[in-house]
Amino acid sequence: MTQLTALTEEEIDAIKARCEQATAGPWRSFIEKRDKFSGSDFVQTGGEDI
């Protein structure tokens, strides 16, 4: 069994910094199906047509 440990203050600060730098929503995901080999997975961000 894996033992979980609490995040350090430094780890929490790093997570908060990444959140603050993220592109504002809305976001729309385009995910390839499980057993498919063509196409790409991506997340479309921003824009009025989402």
PDB file of N, CA and C in Angstrom:
ATOM      1  N   MET A   1       0.830  -1.165   0.000  1.00  0.00           N
ATOM      2  CA  MET A   1       0.000   0.000   0.000  1.00  0.00           C
ATOM      3  C   MET A   1       0.887   1.245   0.000  1.00  0.00           C
ATOM      4  N   THR A   2       0.545   2.215  -0.841  1.00  0.00           N
ATOM      5  CA  THR A   2       1.316   3.443  -0.940  1.00  0.00           C
ATOM      6  C   THR A   2       0.881   4.410   0.148  1.00  0.00           C
ATOM      7  N   GLN A   3       1.863   4.972   0.839  1.00  0.00           N
ATOM      8  CA  GLN A   3       1.569   5.943   1.878  1.00  0.00           C
ATOM      9  C   GLN A   3       1.584   7.341   1.274  1.00  0.00           C
ATOM     10  N   LEU A   4       0.537   8.098   1.502  1.00  0.00           N
ATOM     11  CA  LEU A   4       0.444   9.458   1.001  1.00  0.00           C
ATOM     12  C   LEU A   4       1.076  10.426   1.982  1.00  0.00           C
ATOM     13  N   THR A   5       1.735  11.458   1.444  1.00  0.00           N
ATOM     14  CA  THR A   5       2.320  12.486   2.299  1.00  0.00           C
ATOM     15  C   THR A   5       1.737  13.843   1.901  1.00  0.00           C
ATOM     16  N   ALA A   6       1.708  14.745   2.838  1.00  0.00           N
ATOM     17  CA  ALA A   6       1.184  16.091   2.589  1.00  0.00           C
ATOM     18  C   ALA A   6       2.143  16.857   1.685  1.00  0.00           C
ATOM     19  N   LEU A   7       1.575  17.752   0.873  1.00  0.00           N
ATOM     20  CA  LEU A   7       2.400  18.615   0.033  1.00  0.00           C
ATOM     21  C   LEU A   7       3.129  19.631   0.895  1.00  0.00           C
ATOM     22  N   THR A   8       4.334  19.991   0.459  1.00  0.00           N
ATOM     23  CA  THR A   8       5.076  21.030   1.164  1.00  0.00           C
ATOM     24  C   THR A   8       4.546  22.399   0.737  1.00  0.00           C
ATOM     25  N   GLU A   9       4.889  23.421   1.494  1.00  0.00           N
ATOM     26  CA  GLU A   9       4.485  24.785   1.135  1.00  0.00           C
ATOM     27  C   GLU A   9       5.054  25.171  -0.234  1.00  0.00           C
ATOM     28  N   GLU A  10       6.281  24.727  -0.522  1.00  0.00           N
ATOM     29  CA  GLU A  10       6.903  25.028  -1.812  1.00  0.00           C
ATOM     30  C   GLU A  10       6.126  24.376  -2.956  1.00  0.00           C
ATOM     31  N   GLU A  11       5.684  23.145  -2.769  1.00  0.00           N
ATOM     32  CA  GLU A  11       4.901  22.463  -3.797  1.00  0.00           C
ATOM     33  C   GLU A  11       3.554  23.156  -4.016  1.00  0.00           C
ATOM     34  N   ILE A  12       2.928  23.562  -2.936  1.00  0.00           N
ATOM     35  CA  ILE A  12       1.641  24.274  -3.038  1.00  0.00           C
ATOM     36  C   ILE A  12       1.827  25.604  -3.753  1.00  0.00           C
ATOM     37  N   ASP A  13       2.882  26.329  -3.424  1.00  0.00           N
ATOM     38  CA  ASP A  13       3.159  27.604  -4.085  1.00  0.00           C
ATOM     39  C   ASP A  13       3.404  27.407  -5.583  1.00  0.00           C
ATOM     40  N   ALA A  14       4.112  26.347  -5.959  1.00  0.00           N
ATOM     41  CA  ALA A  14       4.372  26.070  -7.369  1.00  0.00           C
ATOM     42  C   ALA A  14       3.074  25.745  -8.115  1.00  0.00           C
ATOM     43  N   ILE A  15       2.187  25.000  -7.482  1.00  0.00           N
ATOM     44  CA  ILE A  15       0.883  24.676  -8.088  1.00  0.00           C
ATOM     45  C   ILE A  15       0.066  25.942  -8.272  1.00  0.00           C
ATOM     46  N   LYS A  16       0.034  26.789  -7.250  1.00  0.00           N
ATOM     47  CA  LYS A  16      -0.705  28.053  -7.345  1.00  0.00           C
ATOM     48  C   LYS A  16      -0.159  28.928  -8.471  1.00  0.00           C
ATOM     49  N   ALA A  17       1.162  28.984  -8.618  1.00  0.00           N
ATOM     50  CA  ALA A  17       1.774  29.793  -9.668  1.00  0.00           C
ATOM     51  C   ALA A  17       1.369  29.289 -11.050  1.00  0.00           C
ATOM     52  N   ARG A  18       1.335  27.965 -11.240  1.00  0.00           N
ATOM     53  CA  ARG A  18       0.903  27.410 -12.534  1.00  0.00           C
ATOM     54  C   ARG A  18      -0.557  27.723 -12.800  1.00  0.00           C
ATOM     55  N   CYS A  19      -1.392  27.664 -11.776  1.00  0.00           N
ATOM     56  CA  CYS A  19      -2.818  27.985 -11.936  1.00  0.00           C
ATOM     57  C   CYS A  19      -3.009  29.437 -12.350  1.00  0.00           C
ATOM     58  N   GLU A  20      -2.249  30.330 -11.752  1.00  0.00           N
ATOM     59  CA  GLU A  20      -2.373  31.746 -12.064  1.00  0.00           C
ATOM     60  C   GLU A  20      -1.909  32.066 -13.482  1.00  0.00           C
ATOM     61  N   GLN A  21      -1.020  31.246 -14.045  1.00  0.00           N
ATOM     62  CA  GLN A  21      -0.497  31.472 -15.389  1.00  0.00           C
ATOM     63  C   GLN A  21      -1.319  30.776 -16.470  1.00  0.00           C
ATOM     64  N   ALA A  22      -2.275  29.955 -16.083  1.00  0.00           N
ATOM     65  CA  ALA A  22      -3.070  29.190 -17.049  1.00  0.00           C
ATOM     66  C   ALA A  22      -3.975  30.113 -17.853  1.00  0.00           C
ATOM     67  N   THR A  23      -4.255  29.704 -19.073  1.00  0.00           N
ATOM     68  CA  THR A  23      -5.174  30.444 -19.932  1.00  0.00           C
ATOM     69  C   THR A  23      -6.576  30.361 -19.353  1.00  0.00           C
ATOM     70  N   ALA A  24      -7.250  31.488 -19.323  1.00  0.00           N
ATOM     71  CA  ALA A  24      -8.622  31.509 -18.801  1.00  0.00           C
ATOM     72  C   ALA A  24      -9.545  30.713 -19.721  1.00  0.00           C
ATOM     73  N   GLY A  25     -10.577  30.129 -19.137  1.00  0.00           N
ATOM     74  CA  GLY A  25     -11.542  29.348 -19.907  1.00  0.00           C
ATOM     75  C   GLY A  25     -12.384  30.242 -20.786  1.00  0.00           C
ATOM     76  N   PRO A  26     -13.264  29.680 -21.557  1.00  0.00           N
ATOM     77  CA  PRO A  26     -13.605  28.258 -21.548  1.00  0.00           C
ATOM     78  C   PRO A  26     -12.565  27.435 -22.305  1.00  0.00           C
ATOM     79  N   TRP A  27     -12.469  26.156 -21.943  1.00  0.00           N
ATOM     80  CA  TRP A  27     -11.595  25.212 -22.617  1.00  0.00           C
ATOM     81  C   TRP A  27     -12.457  24.141 -23.254  1.00  0.00           C
ATOM     82  N   ARG A  28     -11.997  23.577 -24.349  1.00  0.00           N
ATOM     83  CA  ARG A  28     -12.715  22.482 -25.003  1.00  0.00           C
ATOM     84  C   ARG A  28     -11.694  21.412 -25.383  1.00  0.00           C
ATOM     85  N   SER A  29     -11.902  20.187 -24.934  1.00  0.00           N
ATOM     86  CA  SER A  29     -10.939  19.119 -25.209  1.00  0.00           C
ATOM     87  C   SER A  29     -11.355  18.303 -26.424  1.00  0.00           C
ATOM     88  N   PHE A  30     -10.368  17.863 -27.170  1.00  0.00           N
ATOM     89  CA  PHE A  30     -10.538  16.977 -28.313  1.00  0.00           C
ATOM     90  C   PHE A  30      -9.605  15.790 -28.076  1.00  0.00           C
ATOM     91  N   ILE A  31     -10.169  14.680 -27.622  1.00  0.00           N
ATOM     92  CA  ILE A  31      -9.376  13.522 -27.220  1.00  0.00           C
ATOM     93  C   ILE A  31      -9.625  12.368 -28.187  1.00  0.00           C
ATOM     94  N   GLU A  32      -8.536  11.806 -28.711  1.00  0.00           N
ATOM     95  CA  GLU A  32      -8.624  10.659 -29.609  1.00  0.00           C
ATOM     96  C   GLU A  32      -9.187   9.468 -28.838  1.00  0.00           C
ATOM     97  N   LYS A  33      -9.955   8.656 -29.499  1.00  0.00           N
ATOM     98  CA  LYS A  33     -10.529   7.477 -28.838  1.00  0.00           C
ATOM     99  C   LYS A  33      -9.443   6.476 -28.466  1.00  0.00           C
ATOM    100  N   ARG A  34      -9.749   5.630 -27.553  1.00  0.00           N
ATOM    101  CA  ARG A  34      -8.782   4.725 -26.938  1.00  0.00           C
ATOM    102  C   ARG A  34      -7.966   3.897 -27.917  1.00  0.00           C
ATOM    103  N   ASP A  35      -8.582   3.233 -28.863  1.00  0.00           N
ATOM    104  CA  ASP A  35      -7.870   2.311 -29.749  1.00  0.00           C
ATOM    105  C   ASP A  35      -7.656   2.871 -31.148  1.00  0.00           C
ATOM    106  N   LYS A  36      -7.591   4.169 -31.285  1.00  0.00           N
ATOM    107  CA  LYS A  36      -7.367   4.801 -32.586  1.00  0.00           C
ATOM    108  C   LYS A  36      -5.907   5.221 -32.697  1.00  0.00           C
ATOM    109  N   PHE A  37      -5.420   5.261 -33.943  1.00  0.00           N
ATOM    110  CA  PHE A  37      -4.004   5.570 -34.149  1.00  0.00           C
ATOM    111  C   PHE A  37      -3.774   6.856 -34.942  1.00  0.00           C
ATOM    112  N   SER A  38      -4.814   7.502 -35.425  1.00  0.00           N
ATOM    113  CA  SER A  38      -4.632   8.730 -36.183  1.00  0.00           C
ATOM    114  C   SER A  38      -5.197   9.907 -35.407  1.00  0.00           C
ATOM    115  N   GLY A  39      -4.837  11.089 -35.828  1.00  0.00           N
ATOM    116  CA  GLY A  39      -5.351  12.274 -35.163  1.00  0.00           C
ATOM    117  C   GLY A  39      -4.492  12.691 -33.988  1.00  0.00           C
ATOM    118  N   SER A  40      -4.917  13.732 -33.329  1.00  0.00           N
ATOM    119  CA  SER A  40      -4.167  14.296 -32.208  1.00  0.00           C
ATOM    120  C   SER A  40      -5.102  14.628 -31.060  1.00  0.00           C
ATOM    121  N   ASP A  41      -4.571  14.597 -29.849  1.00  0.00           N
ATOM    122  CA  ASP A  41      -5.296  15.065 -28.672  1.00  0.00           C
ATOM    123  C   ASP A  41      -4.850  16.499 -28.412  1.00  0.00           C
ATOM    124  N   PHE A  42      -5.797  17.372 -28.112  1.00  0.00           N
ATOM    125  CA  PHE A  42      -5.430  18.733 -27.764  1.00  0.00           C
ATOM    126  C   PHE A  42      -6.560  19.395 -27.001  1.00  0.00           C
ATOM    127  N   VAL A  43      -6.243  20.519 -26.367  1.00  0.00           N
ATOM    128  CA  VAL A  43      -7.239  21.321 -25.657  1.00  0.00           C
ATOM    129  C   VAL A  43      -7.256  22.692 -26.291  1.00  0.00           C
ATOM    130  N   GLN A  44      -8.420  23.105 -26.792  1.00  0.00           N
ATOM    131  CA  GLN A  44      -8.599  24.424 -27.377  1.00  0.00           C
ATOM    132  C   GLN A  44      -8.919  25.394 -26.256  1.00  0.00           C
ATOM    133  N   THR A  45      -8.225  26.512 -26.225  1.00  0.00           N
ATOM    134  CA  THR A  45      -8.440  27.484 -25.156  1.00  0.00           C
ATOM    135  C   THR A  45      -8.894  28.818 -25.731  1.00  0.00           C
ATOM    136  N   GLY A  46      -9.674  29.542 -24.949  1.00  0.00           N
ATOM    137  CA  GLY A  46     -10.108  30.876 -25.323  1.00  0.00           C
ATOM    138  C   GLY A  46     -10.967  30.911 -26.568  1.00  0.00           C
ATOM    139  N   GLY A  47     -11.196  32.094 -27.068  1.00  0.00           N
ATOM    140  CA  GLY A  47     -11.969  32.262 -28.282  1.00  0.00           C
ATOM    141  C   GLY A  47     -13.465  32.309 -28.020  1.00  0.00           C
ATOM    142  N   GLU A  48     -14.166  32.973 -28.908  1.00  0.00           N
ATOM    143  CA  GLU A  48     -15.609  33.147 -28.741  1.00  0.00           C
ATOM    144  C   GLU A  48     -16.400  31.965 -29.278  1.00  0.00           C
ATOM    145  N   ASP A  49     -15.806  31.117 -30.100  1.00  0.00           N
ATOM    146  CA  ASP A  49     -16.556  30.033 -30.731  1.00  0.00           C
ATOM    147  C   ASP A  49     -16.526  28.728 -29.953  1.00  0.00           C
ATOM    148  N   ILE A  50     -16.105  28.762 -28.713  1.00  0.00           N
ATOM    149  CA  ILE A  50     -16.086  27.547 -27.892  1.00  0.00           C
ATOM    150  C   ILE A  50     -17.412  27.378 -27.212  1.00  0.00           C
TER     151      ILE A  50
END
